[in-house]
Amino acid sequence: MSIDIRDRGQEWLQDSEQMARNIWLAGLGVYSKSLEEAGDRREQTESLFDTLVDEGRAVEAQTRDSVAEQVRAANHNVEARVQALFARLSGVDPRRIDQLNTKVDRLTELVTKLAQN
């Protein structure tokens, strides 16, 4: 019983070729799988980005409303302080001025009615 070296060499060559082919196919499989996962990640990333943009719009609107309310409150406070300062410096009570304006308006209406008759 003799072992033919040529037969062994041929088997080894076929095994090596099959091993190389399997390695090549495994590499292609890895490449394909990575493309799939990259596509999935891209979809997830786009979805997350869209969600973040929507949330950012909501926060921006809330912030604008909050800032507008704070500006209104600040303007009201400044106006009240200016009126108080005017009243202290002039000695004139702003409520008294409002009452006098109302009386003048009423008198103007009465004079207009009398002039028409």
N, C-alpha and C. Protein backbone atom coordinates (compact mmCIF):
# COMPACT_ATOMS: atom_id res chain seq x y z
N MET A 1 0.82 -1.15 0.00
CA MET A 1 0.00 0.00 0.00
C MET A 1 0.89 1.25 0.00
N SER A 2 0.85 1.90 -1.08
CA SER A 2 1.68 3.08 -1.22
C SER A 2 0.79 4.30 -1.39
N ILE A 3 1.24 5.38 -0.81
CA ILE A 3 0.50 6.63 -0.89
C ILE A 3 1.14 7.44 -2.00
N ASP A 4 0.31 7.79 -2.90
CA ASP A 4 0.81 8.57 -4.04
C ASP A 4 0.89 10.03 -3.63
N ILE A 5 2.06 10.59 -3.72
CA ILE A 5 2.28 11.98 -3.32
C ILE A 5 1.50 12.91 -4.23
N ARG A 6 1.35 12.52 -5.47
CA ARG A 6 0.60 13.37 -6.38
C ARG A 6 -0.87 13.47 -5.94
N ASP A 7 -1.45 12.37 -5.52
CA ASP A 7 -2.84 12.39 -5.07
C ASP A 7 -2.99 13.27 -3.83
N ARG A 8 -2.04 13.14 -2.92
CA ARG A 8 -2.07 13.97 -1.69
C ARG A 8 -1.90 15.44 -2.04
N GLY A 9 -1.03 15.73 -2.96
CA GLY A 9 -0.80 17.11 -3.38
C GLY A 9 -2.05 17.68 -4.03
N GLN A 10 -2.72 16.87 -4.83
CA GLN A 10 -3.94 17.31 -5.50
C GLN A 10 -5.04 17.58 -4.47
N GLU A 11 -5.19 16.70 -3.49
CA GLU A 11 -6.20 16.89 -2.43
C GLU A 11 -5.90 18.16 -1.64
N TRP A 12 -4.62 18.32 -1.30
CA TRP A 12 -4.23 19.51 -0.54
C TRP A 12 -4.52 20.77 -1.34
N LEU A 13 -4.25 20.76 -2.63
CA LEU A 13 -4.50 21.91 -3.50
C LEU A 13 -5.99 22.20 -3.58
N GLN A 14 -6.80 21.17 -3.70
CA GLN A 14 -8.25 21.37 -3.75
C GLN A 14 -8.76 21.92 -2.42
N ASP A 15 -8.24 21.38 -1.34
CA ASP A 15 -8.64 21.87 -0.01
C ASP A 15 -8.23 23.34 0.15
N SER A 16 -7.06 23.69 -0.30
CA SER A 16 -6.57 25.06 -0.20
C SER A 16 -7.43 26.00 -1.04
N GLU A 17 -7.76 25.55 -2.25
CA GLU A 17 -8.61 26.38 -3.11
C GLU A 17 -9.99 26.57 -2.47
N GLN A 18 -10.53 25.51 -1.91
CA GLN A 18 -11.85 25.61 -1.27
C GLN A 18 -11.77 26.53 -0.05
N MET A 19 -10.68 26.42 0.71
CA MET A 19 -10.49 27.28 1.88
C MET A 19 -10.39 28.74 1.44
N ALA A 20 -9.62 29.03 0.40
CA ALA A 20 -9.48 30.39 -0.12
C ALA A 20 -10.84 30.92 -0.60
N ARG A 21 -11.58 30.07 -1.29
CA ARG A 21 -12.91 30.47 -1.79
C ARG A 21 -13.84 30.76 -0.60
N ASN A 22 -13.79 29.92 0.41
CA ASN A 22 -14.63 30.15 1.59
C ASN A 22 -14.27 31.46 2.30
N ILE A 23 -12.98 31.72 2.37
CA ILE A 23 -12.53 32.98 2.97
C ILE A 23 -13.05 34.16 2.15
N TRP A 24 -12.93 34.07 0.84
CA TRP A 24 -13.43 35.12 -0.07
C TRP A 24 -14.94 35.31 0.13
N LEU A 25 -15.69 34.23 0.17
CA LEU A 25 -17.14 34.31 0.35
C LEU A 25 -17.51 34.90 1.71
N ALA A 26 -16.76 34.52 2.74
CA ALA A 26 -17.00 35.09 4.07
C ALA A 26 -16.76 36.59 4.06
N GLY A 27 -15.72 37.03 3.35
CA GLY A 27 -15.44 38.47 3.23
C GLY A 27 -16.58 39.19 2.53
N LEU A 28 -17.11 38.60 1.47
CA LEU A 28 -18.25 39.20 0.78
C LEU A 28 -19.48 39.25 1.69
N GLY A 29 -19.65 38.20 2.49
CA GLY A 29 -20.76 38.19 3.45
C GLY A 29 -20.64 39.30 4.47
N VAL A 30 -19.41 39.52 4.98
CA VAL A 30 -19.17 40.60 5.93
C VAL A 30 -19.48 41.94 5.28
N TYR A 31 -19.02 42.11 4.05
CA TYR A 31 -19.26 43.36 3.32
C TYR A 31 -20.77 43.59 3.16
N SER A 32 -21.50 42.57 2.76
CA SER A 32 -22.95 42.68 2.57
C SER A 32 -23.64 43.01 3.88
N LYS A 33 -23.25 42.34 4.94
CA LYS A 33 -23.86 42.56 6.25
C LYS A 33 -23.59 43.98 6.73
N SER A 34 -22.38 44.48 6.50
CA SER A 34 -22.05 45.83 6.94
C SER A 34 -22.87 46.86 6.16
N LEU A 35 -23.12 46.61 4.88
CA LEU A 35 -23.97 47.53 4.10
C LEU A 35 -25.40 47.54 4.64
N GLU A 36 -25.92 46.37 5.00
CA GLU A 36 -27.26 46.27 5.58
C GLU A 36 -27.34 47.07 6.87
N GLU A 37 -26.37 46.83 7.75
CA GLU A 37 -26.38 47.51 9.04
C GLU A 37 -26.20 49.02 8.87
N ALA A 38 -25.38 49.43 7.91
CA ALA A 38 -25.20 50.86 7.66
C ALA A 38 -26.52 51.48 7.20
N GLY A 39 -27.26 50.76 6.36
CA GLY A 39 -28.57 51.25 5.92
C GLY A 39 -29.53 51.38 7.08
N ASP A 40 -29.53 50.37 7.95
CA ASP A 40 -30.40 50.43 9.13
C ASP A 40 -30.01 51.60 10.03
N ARG A 41 -28.73 51.77 10.24
CA ARG A 41 -28.24 52.87 11.08
C ARG A 41 -28.60 54.22 10.47
N ARG A 42 -28.51 54.33 9.15
CA ARG A 42 -28.85 55.59 8.48
C ARG A 42 -30.32 55.92 8.71
N GLU A 43 -31.18 54.91 8.59
CA GLU A 43 -32.61 55.14 8.82
C GLU A 43 -32.86 55.55 10.27
N GLN A 44 -32.18 54.88 11.21
CA GLN A 44 -32.34 55.23 12.62
C GLN A 44 -31.83 56.65 12.87
N THR A 45 -30.71 56.99 12.26
CA THR A 45 -30.13 58.32 12.44
C THR A 45 -31.06 59.39 11.88
N GLU A 46 -31.60 59.15 10.69
CA GLU A 46 -32.52 60.12 10.09
C GLU A 46 -33.77 60.28 10.95
N SER A 47 -34.27 59.17 11.46
CA SER A 47 -35.46 59.22 12.31
C SER A 47 -35.17 59.99 13.59
N LEU A 48 -34.03 59.72 14.21
CA LEU A 48 -33.65 60.43 15.42
C LEU A 48 -33.47 61.92 15.14
N PHE A 49 -32.84 62.25 14.02
CA PHE A 49 -32.63 63.65 13.65
C PHE A 49 -33.97 64.36 13.48
N ASP A 50 -34.91 63.74 12.77
CA ASP A 50 -36.23 64.34 12.57
C ASP A 50 -36.94 64.55 13.90
N THR A 51 -36.82 63.59 14.80
CA THR A 51 -37.43 63.71 16.12
C THR A 51 -36.81 64.87 16.89
N LEU A 52 -35.49 64.98 16.83
CA LEU A 52 -34.81 66.07 17.53
C LEU A 52 -35.19 67.44 16.95
N VAL A 53 -35.36 67.52 15.64
CA VAL A 53 -35.78 68.78 15.01
C VAL A 53 -37.17 69.17 15.50
N ASP A 54 -38.10 68.21 15.54
CA ASP A 54 -39.45 68.49 16.02
C ASP A 54 -39.43 68.96 17.47
N GLU A 55 -38.65 68.29 18.31
CA GLU A 55 -38.55 68.70 19.71
C GLU A 55 -37.91 70.08 19.83
N GLY A 56 -36.94 70.36 18.98
CA GLY A 56 -36.29 71.68 18.99
C GLY A 56 -37.28 72.78 18.63
N ARG A 57 -38.16 72.51 17.67
CA ARG A 57 -39.18 73.50 17.30
C ARG A 57 -40.11 73.78 18.48
N ALA A 58 -40.49 72.74 19.19
CA ALA A 58 -41.38 72.92 20.34
C ALA A 58 -40.69 73.74 21.43
N VAL A 59 -39.44 73.43 21.70
CA VAL A 59 -38.69 74.18 22.72
C VAL A 59 -38.52 75.64 22.30
N GLU A 60 -38.25 75.85 21.02
CA GLU A 60 -38.09 77.22 20.52
C GLU A 60 -39.38 78.02 20.72
N ALA A 61 -40.52 77.42 20.40
CA ALA A 61 -41.80 78.11 20.57
C ALA A 61 -42.05 78.43 22.04
N GLN A 62 -41.77 77.47 22.92
CA GLN A 62 -41.96 77.71 24.35
C GLN A 62 -41.03 78.82 24.83
N THR A 63 -39.81 78.82 24.35
CA THR A 63 -38.85 79.83 24.76
C THR A 63 -39.28 81.21 24.29
N ARG A 64 -39.75 81.29 23.04
CA ARG A 64 -40.22 82.58 22.53
C ARG A 64 -41.39 83.11 23.36
N ASP A 65 -42.34 82.22 23.69
CA ASP A 65 -43.49 82.63 24.50
C ASP A 65 -43.03 83.11 25.87
N SER A 66 -42.10 82.38 26.47
CA SER A 66 -41.60 82.74 27.79
C SER A 66 -40.88 84.09 27.75
N VAL A 67 -40.06 84.29 26.74
CA VAL A 67 -39.33 85.57 26.62
C VAL A 67 -40.31 86.72 26.40
N ALA A 68 -41.31 86.50 25.55
CA ALA A 68 -42.30 87.55 25.29
C ALA A 68 -43.04 87.91 26.57
N GLU A 69 -43.40 86.92 27.37
CA GLU A 69 -44.09 87.18 28.63
C GLU A 69 -43.19 87.94 29.60
N GLN A 70 -41.92 87.58 29.65
CA GLN A 70 -40.99 88.28 30.53
C GLN A 70 -40.78 89.72 30.09
N VAL A 71 -40.75 89.96 28.78
CA VAL A 71 -40.61 91.32 28.26
C VAL A 71 -41.84 92.14 28.63
N ARG A 72 -43.04 91.54 28.47
CA ARG A 72 -44.27 92.26 28.85
C ARG A 72 -44.26 92.62 30.33
N ALA A 73 -43.86 91.66 31.16
CA ALA A 73 -43.81 91.92 32.60
C ALA A 73 -42.79 93.00 32.94
N ALA A 74 -41.64 92.95 32.29
CA ALA A 74 -40.61 93.97 32.54
C ALA A 74 -41.10 95.34 32.11
N ASN A 75 -41.76 95.42 30.94
CA ASN A 75 -42.29 96.71 30.47
C ASN A 75 -43.33 97.25 31.44
N HIS A 76 -44.19 96.37 31.95
CA HIS A 76 -45.21 96.80 32.91
C HIS A 76 -44.55 97.34 34.18
N ASN A 77 -43.53 96.62 34.66
CA ASN A 77 -42.82 97.07 35.88
C ASN A 77 -42.13 98.41 35.67
N VAL A 78 -41.51 98.59 34.53
CA VAL A 78 -40.82 99.86 34.24
C VAL A 78 -41.83 100.99 34.17
N GLU A 79 -42.95 100.73 33.49
CA GLU A 79 -43.99 101.77 33.37
C GLU A 79 -44.53 102.14 34.75
N ALA A 80 -44.77 101.15 35.59
CA ALA A 80 -45.28 101.43 36.93
C ALA A 80 -44.28 102.24 37.74
N ARG A 81 -43.01 101.93 37.61
CA ARG A 81 -41.98 102.68 38.35
C ARG A 81 -41.86 104.11 37.84
N VAL A 82 -41.95 104.28 36.53
CA VAL A 82 -41.87 105.64 35.97
C VAL A 82 -43.05 106.47 36.45
N GLN A 83 -44.25 105.88 36.47
CA GLN A 83 -45.42 106.60 36.94
C GLN A 83 -45.28 106.95 38.43
N ALA A 84 -44.77 106.01 39.20
CA ALA A 84 -44.58 106.28 40.63
C ALA A 84 -43.55 107.39 40.83
N LEU A 85 -42.49 107.36 40.05
CA LEU A 85 -41.46 108.41 40.15
C LEU A 85 -42.04 109.76 39.75
N PHE A 86 -42.82 109.79 38.68
CA PHE A 86 -43.45 111.03 38.24
C PHE A 86 -44.37 111.58 39.33
N ALA A 87 -45.15 110.66 39.94
CA ALA A 87 -46.08 111.10 40.98
C ALA A 87 -45.32 111.69 42.17
N ARG A 88 -44.20 111.07 42.55
CA ARG A 88 -43.41 111.58 43.68
C ARG A 88 -42.78 112.93 43.35
N LEU A 89 -42.24 113.04 42.13
CA LEU A 89 -41.55 114.28 41.77
C LEU A 89 -42.52 115.43 41.51
N SER A 90 -43.66 115.13 40.92
CA SER A 90 -44.60 116.19 40.57
C SER A 90 -45.62 116.45 41.66
N GLY A 91 -45.82 115.50 42.53
CA GLY A 91 -46.83 115.64 43.56
C GLY A 91 -48.23 115.38 43.03
N VAL A 92 -48.34 114.94 41.79
CA VAL A 92 -49.64 114.68 41.18
C VAL A 92 -49.91 113.18 41.24
N ASP A 93 -51.09 112.85 41.73
CA ASP A 93 -51.50 111.45 41.83
C ASP A 93 -52.03 111.00 40.47
N PRO A 94 -51.48 109.94 39.87
CA PRO A 94 -51.94 109.49 38.56
C PRO A 94 -53.43 109.11 38.54
N ARG A 95 -53.94 108.60 39.67
CA ARG A 95 -55.37 108.27 39.72
C ARG A 95 -56.20 109.55 39.62
N ARG A 96 -55.72 110.58 40.22
CA ARG A 96 -56.43 111.89 40.18
C ARG A 96 -56.44 112.41 38.74
N ILE A 97 -55.32 112.22 38.01
CA ILE A 97 -55.26 112.66 36.61
C ILE A 97 -56.26 111.86 35.79
N ASP A 98 -56.36 110.56 36.02
CA ASP A 98 -57.33 109.73 35.30
C ASP A 98 -58.76 110.21 35.58
N GLN A 99 -59.05 110.54 36.83
CA GLN A 99 -60.38 111.04 37.18
C GLN A 99 -60.68 112.36 36.47
N LEU A 100 -59.67 113.23 36.45
CA LEU A 100 -59.86 114.53 35.78
C LEU A 100 -60.06 114.34 34.27
N ASN A 101 -59.31 113.42 33.67
CA ASN A 101 -59.48 113.15 32.24
C ASN A 101 -60.89 112.64 31.95
N THR A 102 -61.40 111.78 32.81
CA THR A 102 -62.76 111.26 32.64
C THR A 102 -63.77 112.40 32.72
N LYS A 103 -63.61 113.30 33.68
CA LYS A 103 -64.52 114.44 33.83
C LYS A 103 -64.45 115.36 32.61
N VAL A 104 -63.24 115.61 32.13
CA VAL A 104 -63.08 116.48 30.94
C VAL A 104 -63.76 115.84 29.74
N ASP A 105 -63.60 114.54 29.57
CA ASP A 105 -64.25 113.84 28.46
C ASP A 105 -65.77 113.96 28.56
N ARG A 106 -66.30 113.80 29.77
CA ARG A 106 -67.75 113.90 29.98
C ARG A 106 -68.24 115.31 29.69
N LEU A 107 -67.51 116.31 30.16
CA LEU A 107 -67.86 117.70 29.91
C LEU A 107 -67.82 118.01 28.41
N THR A 108 -66.83 117.46 27.71
CA THR A 108 -66.72 117.68 26.27
C THR A 108 -67.95 117.11 25.56
N GLU A 109 -68.41 115.95 25.99
CA GLU A 109 -69.62 115.35 25.40
C GLU A 109 -70.84 116.24 25.64
N LEU A 110 -70.96 116.74 26.89
CA LEU A 110 -72.11 117.60 27.22
C LEU A 110 -72.09 118.90 26.41
N VAL A 111 -70.93 119.50 26.27
CA VAL A 111 -70.81 120.76 25.51
C VAL A 111 -71.16 120.49 24.04
N THR A 112 -70.73 119.37 23.51
CA THR A 112 -71.03 119.02 22.11
C THR A 112 -72.55 118.86 21.93
N LYS A 113 -73.20 118.20 22.88
CA LYS A 113 -74.66 118.02 22.81
C LYS A 113 -75.38 119.37 22.90
N LEU A 114 -74.91 120.23 23.82
CA LEU A 114 -75.54 121.54 23.95
C LEU A 114 -75.35 122.40 22.71
N ALA A 115 -74.21 122.27 22.07
CA ALA A 115 -73.93 123.05 20.87
C ALA A 115 -74.79 122.59 19.71
N GLN A 116 -75.19 121.34 19.70
CA GLN A 116 -76.03 120.80 18.62
C GLN A 116 -77.48 121.22 18.78
N ASN A 117 -77.93 121.50 19.99
CA ASN A 117 -79.33 121.88 20.24
C ASN A 117 -79.57 123.31 19.99
